[in-house]
Amino acid sequence: ALPRVSNSARGGSAASKMRLRTLEAARALAEAIGGGDEALLEAALSEARMASVQTSVVEEGEDALRRLGAERQLLEVAVTGDEQQLTVALAIAKDASVSVAKLREAEG
């Protein structure tokens, strides 16, 4: 869990304001990682990069974004019935660590 930001930090020096921005961006990114909204996650990742959030947290967000994109693509392809596209989408989804349950759902 990320530390809470005290109200006293809000009116401090430039360094404390940057630290506050970093903490807020990291918290927003953590919340977006737990959600399922690609657009929100992309925005949180952008803000996290600009606020110099720890690299490992940004990478976790990037992985989550890849996973969400792969899940969306997999479900879109699954309804078409195109076996060749489904095979490719399944490979991408597996590489992006999409859950086994979603993989099985797409495989039908």
PDB file of N, CA and C in Angstrom:
ATOM      1  N   ALA A   1       0.838  -1.185   0.000  1.00  0.00           N
ATOM      2  CA  ALA A   1       0.000   0.000   0.000  1.00  0.00           C
ATOM      3  C   ALA A   1       0.875   1.237   0.000  1.00  0.00           C
ATOM      4  N   LEU A   2       0.400   2.236  -0.688  1.00  0.00           N
ATOM      5  CA  LEU A   2       1.144   3.481  -0.762  1.00  0.00           C
ATOM      6  C   LEU A   2       0.848   4.330   0.459  1.00  0.00           C
ATOM      7  N   PRO A   3       1.843   5.108   0.924  1.00  0.00           N
ATOM      8  CA  PRO A   3       1.622   5.931   2.114  1.00  0.00           C
ATOM      9  C   PRO A   3       0.631   7.047   1.833  1.00  0.00           C
ATOM     10  N   ARG A   4      -0.104   7.411   2.871  1.00  0.00           N
ATOM     11  CA  ARG A   4      -1.026   8.539   2.773  1.00  0.00           C
ATOM     12  C   ARG A   4      -0.220   9.828   2.722  1.00  0.00           C
ATOM     13  N   VAL A   5      -0.736  10.810   2.041  1.00  0.00           N
ATOM     14  CA  VAL A   5      -0.064  12.101   1.912  1.00  0.00           C
ATOM     15  C   VAL A   5      -0.707  13.063   2.900  1.00  0.00           C
ATOM     16  N   SER A   6       0.114  13.648   3.741  1.00  0.00           N
ATOM     17  CA  SER A   6      -0.432  14.572   4.738  1.00  0.00           C
ATOM     18  C   SER A   6      -0.800  15.893   4.091  1.00  0.00           C
ATOM     19  N   ASN A   7      -1.757  16.581   4.691  1.00  0.00           N
ATOM     20  CA  ASN A   7      -2.165  17.886   4.190  1.00  0.00           C
ATOM     21  C   ASN A   7      -1.048  18.902   4.323  1.00  0.00           C
ATOM     22  N   SER A   8      -0.153  18.709   5.288  1.00  0.00           N
ATOM     23  CA  SER A   8       0.946  19.663   5.463  1.00  0.00           C
ATOM     24  C   SER A   8       1.922  19.630   4.286  1.00  0.00           C
ATOM     25  N   ALA A   9       1.991  18.521   3.575  1.00  0.00           N
ATOM     26  CA  ALA A   9       2.894  18.421   2.425  1.00  0.00           C
ATOM     27  C   ALA A   9       2.380  19.231   1.239  1.00  0.00           C
ATOM     28  N   ARG A  10       1.116  19.556   1.238  1.00  0.00           N
ATOM     29  CA  ARG A  10       0.517  20.251   0.103  1.00  0.00           C
ATOM     30  C   ARG A  10       1.019  21.679  -0.064  1.00  0.00           C
ATOM     31  N   GLY A  11       1.445  22.326   0.997  1.00  0.00           N
ATOM     32  CA  GLY A  11       1.870  23.713   0.888  1.00  0.00           C
ATOM     33  C   GLY A  11       3.369  23.894   1.000  1.00  0.00           C
ATOM     34  N   GLY A  12       4.142  22.843   0.854  1.00  0.00           N
ATOM     35  CA  GLY A  12       5.572  22.877   1.107  1.00  0.00           C
ATOM     36  C   GLY A  12       6.408  23.323  -0.077  1.00  0.00           C
ATOM     37  N   SER A  13       7.657  22.939  -0.026  1.00  0.00           N
ATOM     38  CA  SER A  13       8.641  23.319  -1.039  1.00  0.00           C
ATOM     39  C   SER A  13       8.368  22.627  -2.370  1.00  0.00           C
ATOM     40  N   ALA A  14       9.131  23.020  -3.371  1.00  0.00           N
ATOM     41  CA  ALA A  14       8.999  22.405  -4.696  1.00  0.00           C
ATOM     42  C   ALA A  14       9.287  20.914  -4.619  1.00  0.00           C
ATOM     43  N   ALA A  15      10.268  20.540  -3.807  1.00  0.00           N
ATOM     44  CA  ALA A  15      10.609  19.123  -3.665  1.00  0.00           C
ATOM     45  C   ALA A  15       9.461  18.353  -3.039  1.00  0.00           C
ATOM     46  N   SER A  16       8.818  18.927  -2.023  1.00  0.00           N
ATOM     47  CA  SER A  16       7.705  18.221  -1.382  1.00  0.00           C
ATOM     48  C   SER A  16       6.499  18.168  -2.313  1.00  0.00           C
ATOM     49  N   LYS A  17       6.321  19.196  -3.144  1.00  0.00           N
ATOM     50  CA  LYS A  17       5.227  19.171  -4.114  1.00  0.00           C
ATOM     51  C   LYS A  17       5.460  18.103  -5.173  1.00  0.00           C
ATOM     52  N   MET A  18       6.719  17.938  -5.586  1.00  0.00           N
ATOM     53  CA  MET A  18       7.041  16.894  -6.566  1.00  0.00           C
ATOM     54  C   MET A  18       6.824  15.514  -5.947  1.00  0.00           C
ATOM     55  N   ARG A  19       7.212  15.375  -4.691  1.00  0.00           N
ATOM     56  CA  ARG A  19       7.017  14.108  -3.988  1.00  0.00           C
ATOM     57  C   ARG A  19       5.511  13.802  -3.891  1.00  0.00           C
ATOM     58  N   LEU A  20       4.727  14.819  -3.590  1.00  0.00           N
ATOM     59  CA  LEU A  20       3.280  14.661  -3.509  1.00  0.00           C
ATOM     60  C   LEU A  20       2.719  14.231  -4.863  1.00  0.00           C
ATOM     61  N   ARG A  21       3.174  14.881  -5.934  1.00  0.00           N
ATOM     62  CA  ARG A  21       2.710  14.530  -7.279  1.00  0.00           C
ATOM     63  C   ARG A  21       3.064  13.075  -7.598  1.00  0.00           C
ATOM     64  N   THR A  22       4.266  12.664  -7.233  1.00  0.00           N
ATOM     65  CA  THR A  22       4.701  11.294  -7.479  1.00  0.00           C
ATOM     66  C   THR A  22       3.836  10.300  -6.721  1.00  0.00           C
ATOM     67  N   LEU A  23       3.571  10.600  -5.447  1.00  0.00           N
ATOM     68  CA  LEU A  23       2.736   9.704  -4.640  1.00  0.00           C
ATOM     69  C   LEU A  23       1.313   9.621  -5.180  1.00  0.00           C
ATOM     70  N   GLU A  24       0.761  10.764  -5.555  1.00  0.00           N
ATOM     71  CA  GLU A  24      -0.602  10.770  -6.095  1.00  0.00           C
ATOM     72  C   GLU A  24      -0.673  10.019  -7.417  1.00  0.00           C
ATOM     73  N   ALA A  25       0.335  10.191  -8.266  1.00  0.00           N
ATOM     74  CA  ALA A  25       0.364   9.481  -9.553  1.00  0.00           C
ATOM     75  C   ALA A  25       0.524   7.982  -9.331  1.00  0.00           C
ATOM     76  N   ALA A  26       1.345   7.601  -8.360  1.00  0.00           N
ATOM     77  CA  ALA A  26       1.533   6.175  -8.064  1.00  0.00           C
ATOM     78  C   ALA A  26       0.241   5.568  -7.533  1.00  0.00           C
ATOM     79  N   ARG A  27      -0.465   6.297  -6.691  1.00  0.00           N
ATOM     80  CA  ARG A  27      -1.732   5.796  -6.149  1.00  0.00           C
ATOM     81  C   ARG A  27      -2.767   5.649  -7.270  1.00  0.00           C
ATOM     82  N   ALA A  28      -2.855   6.652  -8.145  1.00  0.00           N
ATOM     83  CA  ALA A  28      -3.808   6.592  -9.257  1.00  0.00           C
ATOM     84  C   ALA A  28      -3.482   5.419 -10.181  1.00  0.00           C
ATOM     85  N   LEU A  29      -2.195   5.182 -10.404  1.00  0.00           N
ATOM     86  CA  LEU A  29      -1.787   4.068 -11.260  1.00  0.00           C
ATOM     87  C   LEU A  29      -2.149   2.738 -10.605  1.00  0.00           C
ATOM     88  N   ALA A  30      -1.902   2.605  -9.318  1.00  0.00           N
ATOM     89  CA  ALA A  30      -2.241   1.363  -8.611  1.00  0.00           C
ATOM     90  C   ALA A  30      -3.738   1.083  -8.704  1.00  0.00           C
ATOM     91  N   GLU A  31      -4.553   2.115  -8.559  1.00  0.00           N
ATOM     92  CA  GLU A  31      -5.999   1.943  -8.669  1.00  0.00           C
ATOM     93  C   GLU A  31      -6.394   1.543 -10.094  1.00  0.00           C
ATOM     94  N   ALA A  32      -5.756   2.160 -11.087  1.00  0.00           N
ATOM     95  CA  ALA A  32      -6.065   1.852 -12.486  1.00  0.00           C
ATOM     96  C   ALA A  32      -5.635   0.433 -12.845  1.00  0.00           C
ATOM     97  N   ILE A  33      -4.535  -0.027 -12.271  1.00  0.00           N
ATOM     98  CA  ILE A  33      -4.076  -1.398 -12.524  1.00  0.00           C
ATOM     99  C   ILE A  33      -5.121  -2.387 -12.031  1.00  0.00           C
ATOM    100  N   GLY A  34      -5.752  -2.089 -10.919  1.00  0.00           N
ATOM    101  CA  GLY A  34      -6.761  -2.968 -10.358  1.00  0.00           C
ATOM    102  C   GLY A  34      -8.090  -2.919 -11.087  1.00  0.00           C
ATOM    103  N   GLY A  35      -8.282  -1.910 -11.916  1.00  0.00           N
ATOM    104  CA  GLY A  35      -9.532  -1.772 -12.664  1.00  0.00           C
ATOM    105  C   GLY A  35      -9.433  -2.446 -14.015  1.00  0.00           C
ATOM    106  N   GLY A  36     -10.433  -2.234 -14.832  1.00  0.00           N
ATOM    107  CA  GLY A  36     -10.437  -2.864 -16.144  1.00  0.00           C
ATOM    108  C   GLY A  36     -10.624  -1.866 -17.272  1.00  0.00           C
ATOM    109  N   ASP A  37     -10.273  -0.615 -17.019  1.00  0.00           N
ATOM    110  CA  ASP A  37     -10.501   0.460 -17.985  1.00  0.00           C
ATOM    111  C   ASP A  37      -9.177   0.829 -18.664  1.00  0.00           C
ATOM    112  N   GLU A  38      -9.051   0.445 -19.935  1.00  0.00           N
ATOM    113  CA  GLU A  38      -7.807   0.710 -20.669  1.00  0.00           C
ATOM    114  C   GLU A  38      -7.480   2.198 -20.758  1.00  0.00           C
ATOM    115  N   ALA A  39      -8.479   3.016 -21.046  1.00  0.00           N
ATOM    116  CA  ALA A  39      -8.251   4.455 -21.206  1.00  0.00           C
ATOM    117  C   ALA A  39      -7.777   5.075 -19.894  1.00  0.00           C
ATOM    118  N   LEU A  40      -8.396   4.685 -18.800  1.00  0.00           N
ATOM    119  CA  LEU A  40      -7.995   5.198 -17.490  1.00  0.00           C
ATOM    120  C   LEU A  40      -6.577   4.751 -17.159  1.00  0.00           C
ATOM    121  N   LEU A  41      -6.255   3.515 -17.478  1.00  0.00           N
ATOM    122  CA  LEU A  41      -4.912   2.994 -17.220  1.00  0.00           C
ATOM    123  C   LEU A  41      -3.875   3.715 -18.072  1.00  0.00           C
ATOM    124  N   GLU A  42      -4.192   3.975 -19.332  1.00  0.00           N
ATOM    125  CA  GLU A  42      -3.263   4.718 -20.195  1.00  0.00           C
ATOM    126  C   GLU A  42      -2.992   6.112 -19.631  1.00  0.00           C
ATOM    127  N   ALA A  43      -4.036   6.791 -19.182  1.00  0.00           N
ATOM    128  CA  ALA A  43      -3.883   8.135 -18.614  1.00  0.00           C
ATOM    129  C   ALA A  43      -3.056   8.079 -17.334  1.00  0.00           C
ATOM    130  N   ALA A  44      -3.319   7.094 -16.492  1.00  0.00           N
ATOM    131  CA  ALA A  44      -2.566   6.958 -15.237  1.00  0.00           C
ATOM    132  C   ALA A  44      -1.103   6.639 -15.517  1.00  0.00           C
ATOM    133  N   LEU A  45      -0.839   5.828 -16.530  1.00  0.00           N
ATOM    134  CA  LEU A  45       0.547   5.517 -16.909  1.00  0.00           C
ATOM    135  C   LEU A  45       1.269   6.764 -17.399  1.00  0.00           C
ATOM    136  N   SER A  46       0.608   7.548 -18.202  1.00  0.00           N
ATOM    137  CA  SER A  46       1.199   8.777 -18.713  1.00  0.00           C
ATOM    138  C   SER A  46       1.564   9.707 -17.566  1.00  0.00           C
ATOM    139  N   GLU A  47       0.645   9.898 -16.638  1.00  0.00           N
ATOM    140  CA  GLU A  47       0.899  10.765 -15.487  1.00  0.00           C
ATOM    141  C   GLU A  47       2.014  10.196 -14.614  1.00  0.00           C
ATOM    142  N   ALA A  48       2.030   8.878 -14.436  1.00  0.00           N
ATOM    143  CA  ALA A  48       3.063   8.242 -13.616  1.00  0.00           C
ATOM    144  C   ALA A  48       4.453   8.439 -14.219  1.00  0.00           C
ATOM    145  N   ARG A  49       4.542   8.331 -15.536  1.00  0.00           N
ATOM    146  CA  ARG A  49       5.841   8.559 -16.188  1.00  0.00           C
ATOM    147  C   ARG A  49       6.301  10.001 -16.003  1.00  0.00           C
ATOM    148  N   MET A  50       5.377  10.953 -16.175  1.00  0.00           N
ATOM    149  CA  MET A  50       5.732  12.371 -16.027  1.00  0.00           C
ATOM    150  C   MET A  50       6.098  12.708 -14.586  1.00  0.00           C
ATOM    151  N   ALA A  51       5.523  11.990 -13.628  1.00  0.00           N
ATOM    152  CA  ALA A  51       5.777  12.264 -12.216  1.00  0.00           C
ATOM    153  C   ALA A  51       6.933  11.426 -11.665  1.00  0.00           C
ATOM    154  N   SER A  52       7.627  10.708 -12.533  1.00  0.00           N
ATOM    155  CA  SER A  52       8.783   9.893 -12.144  1.00  0.00           C
ATOM    156  C   SER A  52       8.446   8.836 -11.098  1.00  0.00           C
ATOM    157  N   VAL A  53       7.314   8.160 -11.297  1.00  0.00           N
ATOM    158  CA  VAL A  53       6.937   7.056 -10.418  1.00  0.00           C
ATOM    159  C   VAL A  53       7.942   5.928 -10.637  1.00  0.00           C
ATOM    160  N   GLN A  54       8.194   5.175  -9.587  1.00  0.00           N
ATOM    161  CA  GLN A  54       9.156   4.078  -9.609  1.00  0.00           C
ATOM    162  C   GLN A  54       8.957   3.191 -10.841  1.00  0.00           C
ATOM    163  N   THR A  55      10.042   2.853 -11.503  1.00  0.00           N
ATOM    164  CA  THR A  55      10.015   2.096 -12.753  1.00  0.00           C
ATOM    165  C   THR A  55       9.243   0.787 -12.627  1.00  0.00           C
ATOM    166  N   SER A  56       9.417   0.060 -11.542  1.00  0.00           N
ATOM    167  CA  SER A  56       8.736  -1.233 -11.397  1.00  0.00           C
ATOM    168  C   SER A  56       7.218  -1.065 -11.349  1.00  0.00           C
ATOM    169  N   VAL A  57       6.743   0.035 -10.779  1.00  0.00           N
ATOM    170  CA  VAL A  57       5.305   0.291 -10.726  1.00  0.00           C
ATOM    171  C   VAL A  57       4.789   0.623 -12.128  1.00  0.00           C
ATOM    172  N   VAL A  58       5.545   1.431 -12.864  1.00  0.00           N
ATOM    173  CA  VAL A  58       5.165   1.767 -14.243  1.00  0.00           C
ATOM    174  C   VAL A  58       5.153   0.503 -15.108  1.00  0.00           C
ATOM    175  N   GLU A  59       6.152  -0.345 -14.932  1.00  0.00           N
ATOM    176  CA  GLU A  59       6.200  -1.598 -15.702  1.00  0.00           C
ATOM    177  C   GLU A  59       5.011  -2.492 -15.377  1.00  0.00           C
ATOM    178  N   GLU A  60       4.591  -2.513 -14.117  1.00  0.00           N
ATOM    179  CA  GLU A  60       3.415  -3.288 -13.729  1.00  0.00           C
ATOM    180  C   GLU A  60       2.172  -2.739 -14.450  1.00  0.00           C
ATOM    181  N   GLY A  61       2.095  -1.424 -14.549  1.00  0.00           N
ATOM    182  CA  GLY A  61       0.988  -0.800 -15.272  1.00  0.00           C
ATOM    183  C   GLY A  61       1.019  -1.125 -16.753  1.00  0.00           C
ATOM    184  N   GLU A  62       2.206  -1.115 -17.333  1.00  0.00           N
ATOM    185  CA  GLU A  62       2.345  -1.455 -18.752  1.00  0.00           C
ATOM    186  C   GLU A  62       1.934  -2.899 -19.012  1.00  0.00           C
ATOM    187  N   ASP A  63       2.314  -3.791 -18.087  1.00  0.00           N
ATOM    188  CA  ASP A  63       1.910  -5.197 -18.214  1.00  0.00           C
ATOM    189  C   ASP A  63       0.392  -5.336 -18.133  1.00  0.00           C
ATOM    190  N   ALA A  64      -0.208  -4.600 -17.200  1.00  0.00           N
ATOM    191  CA  ALA A  64      -1.670  -4.648 -17.053  1.00  0.00           C
ATOM    192  C   ALA A  64      -2.355  -4.116 -18.314  1.00  0.00           C
ATOM    193  N   LEU A  65      -1.796  -3.061 -18.905  1.00  0.00           N
ATOM    194  CA  LEU A  65      -2.371  -2.500 -20.124  1.00  0.00           C
ATOM    195  C   LEU A  65      -2.270  -3.501 -21.277  1.00  0.00           C
ATOM    196  N   ARG A  66      -1.133  -4.166 -21.400  1.00  0.00           N
ATOM    197  CA  ARG A  66      -0.977  -5.198 -22.435  1.00  0.00           C
ATOM    198  C   ARG A  66      -1.995  -6.327 -22.223  1.00  0.00           C
ATOM    199  N   ARG A  67      -2.166  -6.725 -20.969  1.00  0.00           N
ATOM    200  CA  ARG A  67      -3.109  -7.796 -20.649  1.00  0.00           C
ATOM    201  C   ARG A  67      -4.541  -7.391 -21.003  1.00  0.00           C
ATOM    202  N   LEU A  68      -4.938  -6.171 -20.637  1.00  0.00           N
ATOM    203  CA  LEU A  68      -6.285  -5.695 -20.959  1.00  0.00           C
ATOM    204  C   LEU A  68      -6.501  -5.640 -22.470  1.00  0.00           C
ATOM    205  N   GLY A  69      -5.508  -5.152 -23.193  1.00  0.00           N
ATOM    206  CA  GLY A  69      -5.613  -5.086 -24.654  1.00  0.00           C
ATOM    207  C   GLY A  69      -5.723  -6.472 -25.275  1.00  0.00           C
ATOM    208  N   ALA A  70      -4.941  -7.396 -24.761  1.00  0.00           N
ATOM    209  CA  ALA A  70      -4.974  -8.767 -25.280  1.00  0.00           C
ATOM    210  C   ALA A  70      -6.322  -9.426 -24.971  1.00  0.00           C
ATOM    211  N   GLU A  71      -6.864  -9.174 -23.771  1.00  0.00           N
ATOM    212  CA  GLU A  71      -8.176  -9.715 -23.413  1.00  0.00           C
ATOM    213  C   GLU A  71      -9.256  -9.173 -24.355  1.00  0.00           C
ATOM    214  N   ARG A  72      -9.228  -7.865 -24.578  1.00  0.00           N
ATOM    215  CA  ARG A  72     -10.217  -7.239 -25.460  1.00  0.00           C
ATOM    216  C   ARG A  72     -10.120  -7.826 -26.865  1.00  0.00           C
ATOM    217  N   GLN A  73      -8.896  -7.913 -27.391  1.00  0.00           N
ATOM    218  CA  GLN A  73      -8.696  -8.447 -28.738  1.00  0.00           C
ATOM    219  C   GLN A  73      -9.163  -9.903 -28.807  1.00  0.00           C
ATOM    220  N   LEU A  74      -8.850 -10.674 -27.790  1.00  0.00           N
ATOM    221  CA  LEU A  74      -9.230 -12.082 -27.768  1.00  0.00           C
ATOM    222  C   LEU A  74     -10.750 -12.242 -27.811  1.00  0.00           C
ATOM    223  N   LEU A  75     -11.445 -11.464 -27.006  1.00  0.00           N
ATOM    224  CA  LEU A  75     -12.906 -11.556 -26.984  1.00  0.00           C
ATOM    225  C   LEU A  75     -13.528 -11.076 -28.293  1.00  0.00           C
ATOM    226  N   GLU A  76     -12.942 -10.047 -28.892  1.00  0.00           N
ATOM    227  CA  GLU A  76     -13.444  -9.559 -30.181  1.00  0.00           C
ATOM    228  C   GLU A  76     -13.277 -10.611 -31.270  1.00  0.00           C
ATOM    229  N   VAL A  77     -12.124 -11.269 -31.284  1.00  0.00           N
ATOM    230  CA  VAL A  77     -11.847 -12.276 -32.306  1.00  0.00           C
ATOM    231  C   VAL A  77     -12.680 -13.537 -32.062  1.00  0.00           C
ATOM    232  N   ALA A  78     -12.902 -13.868 -30.801  1.00  0.00           N
ATOM    233  CA  ALA A  78     -13.639 -15.102 -30.474  1.00  0.00           C
ATOM    234  C   ALA A  78     -15.041 -15.092 -31.070  1.00  0.00           C
ATOM    235  N   VAL A  79     -15.680 -13.943 -31.112  1.00  0.00           N
ATOM    236  CA  VAL A  79     -17.048 -13.886 -31.643  1.00  0.00           C
ATOM    237  C   VAL A  79     -17.094 -13.983 -33.165  1.00  0.00           C
ATOM    238  N   THR A  80     -15.972 -13.753 -33.833  1.00  0.00           N
ATOM    239  CA  THR A  80     -15.958 -13.819 -35.294  1.00  0.00           C
ATOM    240  C   THR A  80     -15.931 -15.256 -35.798  1.00  0.00           C
ATOM    241  N   GLY A  81     -15.377 -16.159 -34.991  1.00  0.00           N
ATOM    242  CA  GLY A  81     -15.277 -17.548 -35.411  1.00  0.00           C
ATOM    243  C   GLY A  81     -14.115 -17.819 -36.344  1.00  0.00           C
ATOM    244  N   ASP A  82     -13.259 -16.835 -36.575  1.00  0.00           N
ATOM    245  CA  ASP A  82     -12.101 -16.999 -37.454  1.00  0.00           C
ATOM    246  C   ASP A  82     -11.003 -17.748 -36.682  1.00  0.00           C
ATOM    247  N   GLU A  83     -10.815 -19.015 -37.029  1.00  0.00           N
ATOM    248  CA  GLU A  83      -9.869 -19.874 -36.297  1.00  0.00           C
ATOM    249  C   GLU A  83      -8.425 -19.366 -36.368  1.00  0.00           C
ATOM    250  N   GLN A  84      -8.019 -18.866 -37.517  1.00  0.00           N
ATOM    251  CA  GLN A  84      -6.645 -18.393 -37.665  1.00  0.00           C
ATOM    252  C   GLN A  84      -6.404 -17.164 -36.771  1.00  0.00           C
ATOM    253  N   GLN A  85      -7.333 -16.211 -36.807  1.00  0.00           N
ATOM    254  CA  GLN A  85      -7.190 -15.028 -35.958  1.00  0.00           C
ATOM    255  C   GLN A  85      -7.282 -15.402 -34.484  1.00  0.00           C
ATOM    256  N   LEU A  86      -8.119 -16.369 -34.165  1.00  0.00           N
ATOM    257  CA  LEU A  86      -8.261 -16.807 -32.784  1.00  0.00           C
ATOM    258  C   LEU A  86      -6.962 -17.429 -32.274  1.00  0.00           C
ATOM    259  N   THR A  87      -6.303 -18.213 -33.114  1.00  0.00           N
ATOM    260  CA  THR A  87      -5.028 -18.825 -32.737  1.00  0.00           C
ATOM    261  C   THR A  87      -3.989 -17.749 -32.420  1.00  0.00           C
ATOM    262  N   VAL A  88      -3.931 -16.726 -33.261  1.00  0.00           N
ATOM    263  CA  VAL A  88      -2.990 -15.621 -33.039  1.00  0.00           C
ATOM    264  C   VAL A  88      -3.353 -14.857 -31.766  1.00  0.00           C
ATOM    265  N   ALA A  89      -4.640 -14.551 -31.596  1.00  0.00           N
ATOM    266  CA  ALA A  89      -5.090 -13.804 -30.421  1.00  0.00           C
ATOM    267  C   ALA A  89      -4.833 -14.592 -29.135  1.00  0.00           C
ATOM    268  N   LEU A  90      -5.006 -15.904 -29.183  1.00  0.00           N
ATOM    269  CA  LEU A  90      -4.723 -16.745 -28.013  1.00  0.00           C
ATOM    270  C   LEU A  90      -3.242 -16.707 -27.659  1.00  0.00           C
ATOM    271  N   ALA A  91      -2.386 -16.764 -28.663  1.00  0.00           N
ATOM    272  CA  ALA A  91      -0.936 -16.704 -28.414  1.00  0.00           C
ATOM    273  C   ALA A  91      -0.554 -15.370 -27.785  1.00  0.00           C
ATOM    274  N   ILE A  92      -1.108 -14.286 -28.302  1.00  0.00           N
ATOM    275  CA  ILE A  92      -0.830 -12.953 -27.748  1.00  0.00           C
ATOM    276  C   ILE A  92      -1.347 -12.872 -26.312  1.00  0.00           C
ATOM    277  N   ALA A  93      -2.536 -13.401 -26.086  1.00  0.00           N
ATOM    278  CA  ALA A  93      -3.135 -13.366 -24.756  1.00  0.00           C
ATOM    279  C   ALA A  93      -2.315 -14.169 -23.753  1.00  0.00           C
ATOM    280  N   LYS A  94      -1.850 -15.327 -24.159  1.00  0.00           N
ATOM    281  CA  LYS A  94      -1.011 -16.142 -23.273  1.00  0.00           C
ATOM    282  C   LYS A  94       0.279 -15.408 -22.946  1.00  0.00           C
ATOM    283  N   ASP A  95       0.874 -14.785 -23.939  1.00  0.00           N
ATOM    284  CA  ASP A  95       2.113 -14.024 -23.740  1.00  0.00           C
ATOM    285  C   ASP A  95       1.893 -12.840 -22.797  1.00  0.00           C
ATOM    286  N   ALA A  96       0.684 -12.281 -22.813  1.00  0.00           N
ATOM    287  CA  ALA A  96       0.363 -11.127 -21.968  1.00  0.00           C
ATOM    288  C   ALA A  96      -0.170 -11.555 -20.600  1.00  0.00           C
ATOM    289  N   SER A  97      -0.129 -12.839 -20.306  1.00  0.00           N
ATOM    290  CA  SER A  97      -0.567 -13.385 -19.011  1.00  0.00           C
ATOM    291  C   SER A  97      -2.055 -13.193 -18.742  1.00  0.00           C
ATOM    292  N   VAL A  98      -2.861 -13.326 -19.788  1.00  0.00           N
ATOM    293  CA  VAL A  98      -4.312 -13.293 -19.612  1.00  0.00           C
ATOM    294  C   VAL A  98      -4.699 -14.529 -18.799  1.00  0.00           C
ATOM    295  N   SER A  99      -5.685 -14.376 -17.937  1.00  0.00           N
ATOM    296  CA  SER A  99      -6.079 -15.476 -17.042  1.00  0.00           C
ATOM    297  C   SER A  99      -6.517 -16.712 -17.828  1.00  0.00           C
ATOM    298  N   VAL A 100      -6.299 -17.859 -17.228  1.00  0.00           N
ATOM    299  CA  VAL A 100      -6.672 -19.120 -17.847  1.00  0.00           C
ATOM    300  C   VAL A 100      -8.177 -19.166 -18.105  1.00  0.00           C
ATOM    301  N   ALA A 101      -8.960 -18.621 -17.198  1.00  0.00           N
ATOM    302  CA  ALA A 101     -10.409 -18.623 -17.367  1.00  0.00           C
ATOM    303  C   ALA A 101     -10.820 -17.860 -18.626  1.00  0.00           C
ATOM    304  N   LYS A 102     -10.190 -16.715 -18.884  1.00  0.00           N
ATOM    305  CA  LYS A 102     -10.527 -15.941 -20.083  1.00  0.00           C
ATOM    306  C   LYS A 102     -10.046 -16.658 -21.339  1.00  0.00           C
ATOM    307  N   LEU A 103      -8.914 -17.339 -21.252  1.00  0.00           N
ATOM    308  CA  LEU A 103      -8.424 -18.113 -22.398  1.00  0.00           C
ATOM    309  C   LEU A 103      -9.401 -19.231 -22.742  1.00  0.00           C
ATOM    310  N   ARG A 104      -9.857 -19.941 -21.716  1.00  0.00           N
ATOM    311  CA  ARG A 104     -10.809 -21.041 -21.949  1.00  0.00           C
ATOM    312  C   ARG A 104     -12.130 -20.531 -22.500  1.00  0.00           C
ATOM    313  N   GLU A 105     -12.567 -19.384 -21.979  1.00  0.00           N
ATOM    314  CA  GLU A 105     -13.812 -18.774 -22.455  1.00  0.00           C
ATOM    315  C   GLU A 105     -13.716 -18.471 -23.945  1.00  0.00           C
ATOM    316  N   ALA A 106     -12.590 -17.953 -24.388  1.00  0.00           N
ATOM    317  CA  ALA A 106     -12.403 -17.601 -25.803  1.00  0.00           C
ATOM    318  C   ALA A 106     -12.282 -18.843 -26.668  1.00  0.00           C
ATOM    319  N   GLU A 107     -11.667 -19.885 -26.115  1.00  0.00           N
ATOM    320  CA  GLU A 107     -11.491 -21.123 -26.888  1.00  0.00           C
ATOM    321  C   GLU A 107     -12.822 -21.818 -27.109  1.00  0.00           C
ATOM    322  N   GLY A 108     -13.807 -21.473 -26.287  1.00  0.00           N
ATOM    323  CA  GLY A 108     -15.161 -22.002 -26.457  1.00  0.00           C
ATOM    324  C   GLY A 108     -15.294 -23.373 -25.909  1.00  0.00           C
TER     325      GLY A 108
END
